[in-house]
């Protein structure tokens, strides 16, 4: 169950990052509220997951999900550039996440 909490926390991190971008510096109410609510949910679930999962592993996986998720949202929804260097960077992040997970087993 802690891994499910961690995955949901990571997904919420992607949502709050996107909502923060849409808030235009917290000048738009609805996206600002979504940002704050999903931040609280993300941090709360991360804290619950960290009761069982080691700090280094949990935090790395959480930020990695957020980084890759935000990258994909940027490319898909915000038409951010997709080039070989950015894809390589994303692949390195995913490789690091896999290695972190494997090192804890």
C-alpha atoms as a PDB file:
ATOM      1  CA  UNK A   1       0.000   0.000   0.000  1.00  0.00           C
ATOM      2  CA  UNK A   2       2.824   2.522   0.664  1.00  0.00           C
ATOM      3  CA  UNK A   3       3.886   2.258  -2.983  1.00  0.00           C
ATOM      4  CA  UNK A   4       0.357   3.084  -4.124  1.00  0.00           C
ATOM      5  CA  UNK A   5       0.374   6.129  -1.846  1.00  0.00           C
ATOM      6  CA  UNK A   6       3.709   7.149  -3.324  1.00  0.00           C
ATOM      7  CA  UNK A   7       2.479   6.757  -6.905  1.00  0.00           C
ATOM      8  CA  UNK A   8      -0.649   8.803  -6.197  1.00  0.00           C
ATOM      9  CA  UNK A   9       1.488  11.429  -4.430  1.00  0.00           C
ATOM     10  CA  UNK A  10       3.652  11.627  -7.545  1.00  0.00           C
ATOM     11  CA  UNK A  11       0.604  11.982  -9.785  1.00  0.00           C
ATOM     12  CA  UNK A  12      -0.698  14.778  -7.557  1.00  0.00           C
ATOM     13  CA  UNK A  13       2.682  16.461  -7.881  1.00  0.00           C
ATOM     14  CA  UNK A  14       2.230  16.541 -11.654  1.00  0.00           C
ATOM     15  CA  UNK A  15      -1.241  18.033 -11.241  1.00  0.00           C
ATOM     16  CA  UNK A  16      -0.066  20.755  -8.878  1.00  0.00           C
ATOM     17  CA  UNK A  17       2.863  21.642 -11.129  1.00  0.00           C
ATOM     18  CA  UNK A  18       0.532  22.016 -14.112  1.00  0.00           C
ATOM     19  CA  UNK A  19      -2.018  23.936 -12.054  1.00  0.00           C
ATOM     20  CA  UNK A  20       0.693  26.243 -10.769  1.00  0.00           C
ATOM     21  CA  UNK A  21       1.686  27.013 -14.351  1.00  0.00           C
ATOM     22  CA  UNK A  22      -1.972  27.691 -15.180  1.00  0.00           C
ATOM     23  CA  UNK A  23      -2.347  29.973 -12.135  1.00  0.00           C
ATOM     24  CA  UNK A  24      -0.036  32.560 -13.756  1.00  0.00           C
ATOM     25  CA  UNK A  25       1.849  33.239 -10.543  1.00  0.00           C
ATOM     26  CA  UNK A  26      -1.171  32.628  -8.311  1.00  0.00           C
ATOM     27  CA  UNK A  27      -3.148  35.399 -10.018  1.00  0.00           C
ATOM     28  CA  UNK A  28      -5.970  33.079 -11.147  1.00  0.00           C
ATOM     29  CA  UNK A  29      -8.167  31.686  -8.372  1.00  0.00           C
ATOM     30  CA  UNK A  30      -9.272  28.256  -9.628  1.00  0.00           C
ATOM     31  CA  UNK A  31      -5.850  26.953 -10.692  1.00  0.00           C
ATOM     32  CA  UNK A  32      -4.345  28.432  -7.523  1.00  0.00           C
ATOM     33  CA  UNK A  33      -6.811  26.482  -5.383  1.00  0.00           C
ATOM     34  CA  UNK A  34      -6.180  23.282  -7.347  1.00  0.00           C
ATOM     35  CA  UNK A  35      -2.455  23.817  -6.810  1.00  0.00           C
ATOM     36  CA  UNK A  36      -2.798  24.216  -3.057  1.00  0.00           C
ATOM     37  CA  UNK A  37      -5.187  21.288  -2.581  1.00  0.00           C
ATOM     38  CA  UNK A  38      -3.140  18.887  -4.692  1.00  0.00           C
ATOM     39  CA  UNK A  39       0.076  20.034  -2.988  1.00  0.00           C
ATOM     40  CA  UNK A  40      -1.394  19.166   0.393  1.00  0.00           C
ATOM     41  CA  UNK A  41      -2.579  15.804  -0.892  1.00  0.00           C
ATOM     42  CA  UNK A  42       0.761  15.046  -2.493  1.00  0.00           C
ATOM     43  CA  UNK A  43       2.767  15.962   0.605  1.00  0.00           C
ATOM     44  CA  UNK A  44       0.355  14.081   2.858  1.00  0.00           C
ATOM     45  CA  UNK A  45       0.526  10.876   0.837  1.00  0.00           C
ATOM     46  CA  UNK A  46       4.302  11.179   0.556  1.00  0.00           C
ATOM     47  CA  UNK A  47       4.505  11.454   4.337  1.00  0.00           C
ATOM     48  CA  UNK A  48       2.346   8.344   4.772  1.00  0.00           C
ATOM     49  CA  UNK A  49       4.435   6.398   2.244  1.00  0.00           C
ATOM     50  CA  UNK A  50       7.612   7.440   4.050  1.00  0.00           C
ATOM     51  CA  UNK A  51       6.468   5.608   7.173  1.00  0.00           C
ATOM     52  CA  UNK A  52       7.557   2.432   5.380  1.00  0.00           C
ATOM     53  CA  UNK A  53       9.636   3.407   2.354  1.00  0.00           C
ATOM     54  CA  UNK A  54      13.125   4.802   3.094  1.00  0.00           C
ATOM     55  CA  UNK A  55      13.497   8.577   2.731  1.00  0.00           C
ATOM     56  CA  UNK A  56      15.990   8.488  -0.140  1.00  0.00           C
ATOM     57  CA  UNK A  57      13.910   6.041  -2.134  1.00  0.00           C
ATOM     58  CA  UNK A  58      10.536   7.692  -1.480  1.00  0.00           C
ATOM     59  CA  UNK A  59      11.702  11.216  -2.187  1.00  0.00           C
ATOM     60  CA  UNK A  60      13.613  10.214  -5.318  1.00  0.00           C
ATOM     61  CA  UNK A  61      10.654   8.288  -6.738  1.00  0.00           C
ATOM     62  CA  UNK A  62       8.226  11.105  -5.851  1.00  0.00           C
ATOM     63  CA  UNK A  63      10.310  13.825  -7.477  1.00  0.00           C
ATOM     64  CA  UNK A  64      11.056  11.577 -10.450  1.00  0.00           C
ATOM     65  CA  UNK A  65       7.378  10.941 -11.095  1.00  0.00           C
ATOM     66  CA  UNK A  66       6.822  14.676 -10.846  1.00  0.00           C
ATOM     67  CA  UNK A  67       9.705  15.479 -13.193  1.00  0.00           C
ATOM     68  CA  UNK A  68       8.745  12.963 -15.873  1.00  0.00           C
ATOM     69  CA  UNK A  69       5.048  13.724 -15.506  1.00  0.00           C
ATOM     70  CA  UNK A  70       5.628  17.470 -15.774  1.00  0.00           C
ATOM     71  CA  UNK A  71       7.866  16.888 -18.800  1.00  0.00           C
ATOM     72  CA  UNK A  72       5.137  14.865 -20.520  1.00  0.00           C
ATOM     73  CA  UNK A  73       2.407  17.357 -19.623  1.00  0.00           C
ATOM     74  CA  UNK A  74       4.578  20.154 -20.948  1.00  0.00           C
ATOM     75  CA  UNK A  75       5.145  18.384 -24.236  1.00  0.00           C
ATOM     76  CA  UNK A  76       1.584  17.102 -24.686  1.00  0.00           C
ATOM     77  CA  UNK A  77      -0.539  19.934 -23.290  1.00  0.00           C
ATOM     78  CA  UNK A  78       1.700  22.975 -23.476  1.00  0.00           C
ATOM     79  CA  UNK A  79       3.481  22.280 -26.776  1.00  0.00           C
ATOM     80  CA  UNK A  80       6.910  22.484 -25.151  1.00  0.00           C
ATOM     81  CA  UNK A  81       9.790  21.345 -27.363  1.00  0.00           C
ATOM     82  CA  UNK A  82      10.554  17.670 -27.745  1.00  0.00           C
ATOM     83  CA  UNK A  83      14.107  17.031 -28.871  1.00  0.00           C
ATOM     84  CA  UNK A  84      16.735  14.346 -28.472  1.00  0.00           C
ATOM     85  CA  UNK A  85      18.461  16.007 -25.529  1.00  0.00           C
ATOM     86  CA  UNK A  86      15.244  16.420 -23.531  1.00  0.00           C
ATOM     87  CA  UNK A  87      14.181  12.831 -24.266  1.00  0.00           C
ATOM     88  CA  UNK A  88      17.615  11.586 -23.211  1.00  0.00           C
ATOM     89  CA  UNK A  89      17.387  13.552 -19.983  1.00  0.00           C
ATOM     90  CA  UNK A  90      13.959  12.046 -19.276  1.00  0.00           C
ATOM     91  CA  UNK A  91      15.283   8.562 -19.980  1.00  0.00           C
ATOM     92  CA  UNK A  92      18.140   9.143 -17.538  1.00  0.00           C
ATOM     93  CA  UNK A  93      15.643  10.185 -14.867  1.00  0.00           C
ATOM     94  CA  UNK A  94      13.601   7.026 -15.454  1.00  0.00           C
ATOM     95  CA  UNK A  95      16.794   4.925 -15.328  1.00  0.00           C
ATOM     96  CA  UNK A  96      17.657   6.513 -12.004  1.00  0.00           C
ATOM     97  CA  UNK A  97      14.201   5.747 -10.648  1.00  0.00           C
ATOM     98  CA  UNK A  98      14.452   2.108 -11.684  1.00  0.00           C
ATOM     99  CA  UNK A  99      17.902   1.804 -10.113  1.00  0.00           C
ATOM    100  CA  UNK A 100      16.690   3.454  -6.901  1.00  0.00           C
ATOM    101  CA  UNK A 101      13.765   1.032  -6.668  1.00  0.00           C
ATOM    102  CA  UNK A 102      15.978  -1.972  -7.401  1.00  0.00           C
ATOM    103  CA  UNK A 103      18.573  -0.914  -4.843  1.00  0.00           C
ATOM    104  CA  UNK A 104      15.967  -1.018  -2.088  1.00  0.00           C
ATOM    105  CA  UNK A 105      14.829  -4.575  -2.738  1.00  0.00           C
END
